[in-house]
Amino acid sequence: MIHPFWFYGAHPAEWYDGGRFDYEIQFEAAAGASERAAMAAAIKAAVPEYHAIVLDPYDAWSWADRWAKATVRARSARVDYGGLFAEVDALFRVMHRVWPIAAVVCRSVEPTPELPDDEWTAASLAAAPDLGPRPRWSDGPRRALDRFAPHAWLDSEVLVDREFEDARVPPEIDEE
């Protein structure tokens, strides 16, 4: 599948943590409050139509300069991973239509050194851009087998945008 942005781990063969997937999103430019609000509204409108993913209100997204860190979870323990990855793809396309995405890195991909890369991973790596410095997220990116370990860290504050969080939580999981 062709993406309008570079996407590492669009459909990984191996991953960490079962039904939780962490993504780093690099936008073409930093998203301000109004752009984040528009993305949150688009996300909130789109996610209820999905059947495989859920955006948990406890998984706050972090923002730093042109970057965001997002967590997407499987809606149930019985996961159709093909459907889940198709919905993740659709979610990022919704966001991209609001504010252009340059790259997405699935931080939950677990490369297996003894096996060759699957077709999706190999294609992603072949087209990999230089991501440049990345933020220091509070939980840090996964270190083991990290193919995208930054050569430099971004000197930018990491924040949680409470207005974005309040606006992005889909209706079926709004807190009462």
Foldseek 3Di string as FASTA:
>chain_A
DDAPAQEAPLQFPDFPDQFKWKKKWFFPWFDDPVLLLQLLQLLQVPVVVADFKAQALVFFWKGWTRMIMGMIGTPDNDHPSVSVSVVVSVSVVSSCVSTNIHYMYTLGHDDDVVDDGDPRNVVSVVPDDLPAAEAQDPVGGDDPPDPNDHPHHDPTDMDGDVSSSQRNHHPVNHDD
